[in-house]
């Protein structure tokens, strides 16, 4: 793996619990985590969750609904990666034009990264489409991810907090 290419910072997000959205549907809530720490150490961290701001950008909020500064989140949760846009396309869905951008992300190997996780990259929420352990040597992961055109992150309401 060419580590000099890892010039971007990404944050892995893991679903933690289910909350009710404005329509009463149960949806997962996503929390940033450090993939290189054992799971019990990750969950005892401060309660920080994924949300969407008024401009549609993915942001991180704490349990008091206060914004976590982007540079603080990068320092606390991010890992080095190489992010390269692969393709962009537009298609019509239900009489609306929908844009989709696909990214190829290379990073060092972390166990436990799967399609149920998401990635936060430059205030963009990415769905993981596939995860490949290149060469099956546990050295490098190649992740294919698509930018979410429909925002699904939930704003944190202290009344919904279980912990």
C-alpha atoms as a PDB file:
ATOM      1  CA  UNK A   1       0.000   0.000   0.000  1.00  0.00           C
ATOM      2  CA  UNK A   2       1.268   3.438  -0.916  1.00  0.00           C
ATOM      3  CA  UNK A   3       0.725   5.384   2.312  1.00  0.00           C
ATOM      4  CA  UNK A   4       1.756   8.686   0.697  1.00  0.00           C
ATOM      5  CA  UNK A   5      -1.582   8.687  -1.195  1.00  0.00           C
ATOM      6  CA  UNK A   6      -3.636   8.679   2.041  1.00  0.00           C
ATOM      7  CA  UNK A   7      -4.151  12.432   2.150  1.00  0.00           C
ATOM      8  CA  UNK A   8      -7.871  12.562   2.937  1.00  0.00           C
ATOM      9  CA  UNK A   9      -9.625  12.074   6.275  1.00  0.00           C
ATOM     10  CA  UNK A  10     -12.818  10.034   6.621  1.00  0.00           C
ATOM     11  CA  UNK A  11     -14.969   9.127   9.613  1.00  0.00           C
ATOM     12  CA  UNK A  12     -16.621   5.715   9.838  1.00  0.00           C
ATOM     13  CA  UNK A  13     -20.188   5.696  11.197  1.00  0.00           C
ATOM     14  CA  UNK A  14     -21.861   2.705  12.845  1.00  0.00           C
ATOM     15  CA  UNK A  15     -25.598   2.225  13.511  1.00  0.00           C
ATOM     16  CA  UNK A  16     -26.157   2.199  17.274  1.00  0.00           C
ATOM     17  CA  UNK A  17     -29.862   2.216  18.072  1.00  0.00           C
ATOM     18  CA  UNK A  18     -33.251   2.883  16.517  1.00  0.00           C
ATOM     19  CA  UNK A  19     -35.103   6.178  16.927  1.00  0.00           C
ATOM     20  CA  UNK A  20     -38.408   7.473  15.599  1.00  0.00           C
ATOM     21  CA  UNK A  21     -38.296  10.046  12.838  1.00  0.00           C
ATOM     22  CA  UNK A  22     -40.882  12.784  12.257  1.00  0.00           C
ATOM     23  CA  UNK A  23     -43.164  10.273  10.515  1.00  0.00           C
ATOM     24  CA  UNK A  24     -43.030   7.758  13.370  1.00  0.00           C
ATOM     25  CA  UNK A  25     -40.801   5.296  11.481  1.00  0.00           C
ATOM     26  CA  UNK A  26     -37.996   3.479  13.274  1.00  0.00           C
ATOM     27  CA  UNK A  27     -34.678   4.492  11.682  1.00  0.00           C
ATOM     28  CA  UNK A  28     -31.107   3.743  12.774  1.00  0.00           C
ATOM     29  CA  UNK A  29     -29.026   6.438  14.437  1.00  0.00           C
ATOM     30  CA  UNK A  30     -25.362   6.574  13.384  1.00  0.00           C
ATOM     31  CA  UNK A  31     -22.418   7.270  15.649  1.00  0.00           C
ATOM     32  CA  UNK A  32     -18.792   7.943  14.660  1.00  0.00           C
ATOM     33  CA  UNK A  33     -16.237   5.472  15.918  1.00  0.00           C
ATOM     34  CA  UNK A  34     -12.557   4.680  15.756  1.00  0.00           C
ATOM     35  CA  UNK A  35     -12.300   1.360  13.895  1.00  0.00           C
ATOM     36  CA  UNK A  36      -8.921   0.509  15.435  1.00  0.00           C
ATOM     37  CA  UNK A  37     -10.174   0.446  19.037  1.00  0.00           C
ATOM     38  CA  UNK A  38     -11.979  -2.504  20.645  1.00  0.00           C
ATOM     39  CA  UNK A  39     -15.763  -2.064  20.525  1.00  0.00           C
ATOM     40  CA  UNK A  40     -16.367  -1.504  24.287  1.00  0.00           C
ATOM     41  CA  UNK A  41     -13.947   1.440  24.267  1.00  0.00           C
ATOM     42  CA  UNK A  42     -15.751   3.009  21.311  1.00  0.00           C
ATOM     43  CA  UNK A  43     -19.211   3.020  22.847  1.00  0.00           C
ATOM     44  CA  UNK A  44     -18.147   4.604  26.154  1.00  0.00           C
ATOM     45  CA  UNK A  45     -17.081   7.748  24.316  1.00  0.00           C
ATOM     46  CA  UNK A  46     -19.255  10.879  24.442  1.00  0.00           C
ATOM     47  CA  UNK A  47     -22.610  10.496  22.725  1.00  0.00           C
ATOM     48  CA  UNK A  48     -22.005  12.003  19.292  1.00  0.00           C
ATOM     49  CA  UNK A  49     -24.452  11.335  16.468  1.00  0.00           C
ATOM     50  CA  UNK A  50     -24.879  12.068  12.784  1.00  0.00           C
ATOM     51  CA  UNK A  51     -27.376  14.783  11.823  1.00  0.00           C
ATOM     52  CA  UNK A  52     -28.143  17.118   8.920  1.00  0.00           C
ATOM     53  CA  UNK A  53     -27.853  20.915   9.109  1.00  0.00           C
ATOM     54  CA  UNK A  54     -30.192  23.435   7.446  1.00  0.00           C
ATOM     55  CA  UNK A  55     -28.080  23.417   4.267  1.00  0.00           C
ATOM     56  CA  UNK A  56     -28.275  19.614   3.902  1.00  0.00           C
ATOM     57  CA  UNK A  57     -24.704  18.922   5.048  1.00  0.00           C
ATOM     58  CA  UNK A  58     -23.946  15.942   7.266  1.00  0.00           C
ATOM     59  CA  UNK A  59     -22.757  17.126  10.694  1.00  0.00           C
ATOM     60  CA  UNK A  60     -22.037  15.628  14.112  1.00  0.00           C
ATOM     61  CA  UNK A  61     -24.005  16.664  17.202  1.00  0.00           C
ATOM     62  CA  UNK A  62     -23.568  15.717  20.858  1.00  0.00           C
ATOM     63  CA  UNK A  63     -26.395  14.566  23.136  1.00  0.00           C
ATOM     64  CA  UNK A  64     -27.166  18.204  24.032  1.00  0.00           C
ATOM     65  CA  UNK A  65     -27.783  18.941  20.333  1.00  0.00           C
ATOM     66  CA  UNK A  66     -24.605  21.048  20.143  1.00  0.00           C
ATOM     67  CA  UNK A  67     -22.509  21.034  16.980  1.00  0.00           C
ATOM     68  CA  UNK A  68     -19.161  19.253  17.146  1.00  0.00           C
ATOM     69  CA  UNK A  69     -16.622  21.388  15.272  1.00  0.00           C
ATOM     70  CA  UNK A  70     -15.440  19.676  12.081  1.00  0.00           C
ATOM     71  CA  UNK A  71     -11.758  19.972  12.995  1.00  0.00           C
ATOM     72  CA  UNK A  72     -12.475  18.425  16.429  1.00  0.00           C
ATOM     73  CA  UNK A  73     -14.366  15.516  14.829  1.00  0.00           C
ATOM     74  CA  UNK A  74     -11.530  14.970  12.350  1.00  0.00           C
ATOM     75  CA  UNK A  75      -8.982  14.956  15.175  1.00  0.00           C
ATOM     76  CA  UNK A  76     -11.035  12.594  17.341  1.00  0.00           C
ATOM     77  CA  UNK A  77     -12.567  10.076  14.912  1.00  0.00           C
ATOM     78  CA  UNK A  78     -10.975  10.219  11.462  1.00  0.00           C
ATOM     79  CA  UNK A  79      -8.671   7.805   9.677  1.00  0.00           C
ATOM     80  CA  UNK A  80      -6.386   8.432   6.702  1.00  0.00           C
ATOM     81  CA  UNK A  81      -7.750   7.455   3.306  1.00  0.00           C
ATOM     82  CA  UNK A  82      -7.493   8.152  -0.398  1.00  0.00           C
ATOM     83  CA  UNK A  83     -10.836   9.224  -1.848  1.00  0.00           C
ATOM     84  CA  UNK A  84     -11.303   9.310  -5.613  1.00  0.00           C
ATOM     85  CA  UNK A  85     -14.582  10.009  -7.410  1.00  0.00           C
ATOM     86  CA  UNK A  86     -15.282   7.173  -9.851  1.00  0.00           C
ATOM     87  CA  UNK A  87     -18.421   8.210 -11.641  1.00  0.00           C
ATOM     88  CA  UNK A  88     -21.354  10.510 -11.504  1.00  0.00           C
ATOM     89  CA  UNK A  89     -24.721   9.957 -13.072  1.00  0.00           C
ATOM     90  CA  UNK A  90     -28.173  11.412 -13.102  1.00  0.00           C
ATOM     91  CA  UNK A  91     -31.380   9.493 -13.530  1.00  0.00           C
ATOM     92  CA  UNK A  92     -35.058  10.122 -13.220  1.00  0.00           C
ATOM     93  CA  UNK A  93     -36.840   8.556 -10.286  1.00  0.00           C
ATOM     94  CA  UNK A  94     -40.504   9.265  -9.603  1.00  0.00           C
ATOM     95  CA  UNK A  95     -40.424  12.238 -11.969  1.00  0.00           C
ATOM     96  CA  UNK A  96     -37.502  13.828 -10.089  1.00  0.00           C
ATOM     97  CA  UNK A  97     -33.945  14.145 -11.317  1.00  0.00           C
ATOM     98  CA  UNK A  98     -31.613  12.337  -8.920  1.00  0.00           C
ATOM     99  CA  UNK A  99     -27.822  12.644  -8.978  1.00  0.00           C
ATOM    100  CA  UNK A 100     -25.489   9.958  -7.691  1.00  0.00           C
ATOM    101  CA  UNK A 101     -21.716  10.089  -7.289  1.00  0.00           C
ATOM    102  CA  UNK A 102     -19.665   6.960  -6.624  1.00  0.00           C
ATOM    103  CA  UNK A 103     -16.299   7.019  -4.836  1.00  0.00           C
ATOM    104  CA  UNK A 104     -13.426   4.557  -4.528  1.00  0.00           C
ATOM    105  CA  UNK A 105     -11.843   4.835  -1.080  1.00  0.00           C
ATOM    106  CA  UNK A 106      -8.547   3.196  -0.157  1.00  0.00           C
ATOM    107  CA  UNK A 107      -7.483   2.941   3.469  1.00  0.00           C
ATOM    108  CA  UNK A 108      -5.500   0.611   5.653  1.00  0.00           C
ATOM    109  CA  UNK A 109      -7.217  -2.549   6.833  1.00  0.00           C
ATOM    110  CA  UNK A 110      -9.704  -2.313   9.708  1.00  0.00           C
ATOM    111  CA  UNK A 111     -11.735  -5.316  10.820  1.00  0.00           C
ATOM    112  CA  UNK A 112     -15.485  -4.912  11.162  1.00  0.00           C
ATOM    113  CA  UNK A 113     -16.044  -2.517   8.263  1.00  0.00           C
ATOM    114  CA  UNK A 114     -19.136  -3.655   6.351  1.00  0.00           C
ATOM    115  CA  UNK A 115     -22.038  -2.387   4.255  1.00  0.00           C
ATOM    116  CA  UNK A 116     -24.041  -1.497   7.362  1.00  0.00           C
ATOM    117  CA  UNK A 117     -21.502   1.241   8.149  1.00  0.00           C
ATOM    118  CA  UNK A 118     -21.456   4.665   6.548  1.00  0.00           C
ATOM    119  CA  UNK A 119     -18.695   7.176   5.897  1.00  0.00           C
ATOM    120  CA  UNK A 120     -18.606  10.890   6.642  1.00  0.00           C
ATOM    121  CA  UNK A 121     -16.337  12.705   4.174  1.00  0.00           C
ATOM    122  CA  UNK A 122     -16.224  16.523   3.888  1.00  0.00           C
ATOM    123  CA  UNK A 123     -19.762  16.908   5.287  1.00  0.00           C
ATOM    124  CA  UNK A 124     -21.053  14.272   2.866  1.00  0.00           C
ATOM    125  CA  UNK A 125     -22.690  11.065   3.993  1.00  0.00           C
ATOM    126  CA  UNK A 126     -21.629   8.052   1.925  1.00  0.00           C
ATOM    127  CA  UNK A 127     -23.310   4.633   1.781  1.00  0.00           C
ATOM    128  CA  UNK A 128     -20.865   1.742   1.594  1.00  0.00           C
ATOM    129  CA  UNK A 129     -21.625  -0.446  -1.424  1.00  0.00           C
ATOM    130  CA  UNK A 130     -18.751  -2.922  -1.131  1.00  0.00           C
ATOM    131  CA  UNK A 131     -15.680  -3.577   1.011  1.00  0.00           C
ATOM    132  CA  UNK A 132     -12.708  -5.499  -0.420  1.00  0.00           C
ATOM    133  CA  UNK A 133      -9.698  -6.749   1.540  1.00  0.00           C
ATOM    134  CA  UNK A 134      -7.152  -6.417  -1.274  1.00  0.00           C
ATOM    135  CA  UNK A 135      -5.011  -9.530  -1.564  1.00  0.00           C
ATOM    136  CA  UNK A 136      -6.742 -11.001   1.522  1.00  0.00           C
ATOM    137  CA  UNK A 137      -3.653  -9.953   3.511  1.00  0.00           C
ATOM    138  CA  UNK A 138      -5.401  -7.598   5.975  1.00  0.00           C
ATOM    139  CA  UNK A 139      -3.286  -4.650   4.846  1.00  0.00           C
ATOM    140  CA  UNK A 140      -5.536  -2.511   2.627  1.00  0.00           C
ATOM    141  CA  UNK A 141      -9.279  -1.997   2.202  1.00  0.00           C
ATOM    142  CA  UNK A 142     -10.859  -0.785  -1.004  1.00  0.00           C
ATOM    143  CA  UNK A 143     -14.317   0.613  -0.347  1.00  0.00           C
ATOM    144  CA  UNK A 144     -16.830   1.571  -3.006  1.00  0.00           C
ATOM    145  CA  UNK A 145     -19.282   4.134  -1.643  1.00  0.00           C
ATOM    146  CA  UNK A 146     -22.090   6.261  -3.083  1.00  0.00           C
ATOM    147  CA  UNK A 147     -23.039   9.726  -1.931  1.00  0.00           C
ATOM    148  CA  UNK A 148     -26.485   9.872  -0.411  1.00  0.00           C
ATOM    149  CA  UNK A 149     -28.657  12.215  -2.445  1.00  0.00           C
ATOM    150  CA  UNK A 150     -31.549  11.770  -0.024  1.00  0.00           C
ATOM    151  CA  UNK A 151     -30.483  12.787   3.470  1.00  0.00           C
ATOM    152  CA  UNK A 152     -31.438  10.249   6.134  1.00  0.00           C
ATOM    153  CA  UNK A 153     -29.526  11.415   9.197  1.00  0.00           C
ATOM    154  CA  UNK A 154     -31.744  12.346  12.092  1.00  0.00           C
ATOM    155  CA  UNK A 155     -31.457  15.439  14.228  1.00  0.00           C
ATOM    156  CA  UNK A 156     -30.824  14.476  17.825  1.00  0.00           C
ATOM    157  CA  UNK A 157     -33.731  15.118  20.161  1.00  0.00           C
ATOM    158  CA  UNK A 158     -32.859  14.737  23.839  1.00  0.00           C
ATOM    159  CA  UNK A 159     -36.255  13.085  24.388  1.00  0.00           C
ATOM    160  CA  UNK A 160     -35.233  10.173  22.135  1.00  0.00           C
ATOM    161  CA  UNK A 161     -31.940   9.515  23.922  1.00  0.00           C
ATOM    162  CA  UNK A 162     -31.805   6.108  25.614  1.00  0.00           C
ATOM    163  CA  UNK A 163     -28.400   6.354  27.341  1.00  0.00           C
END
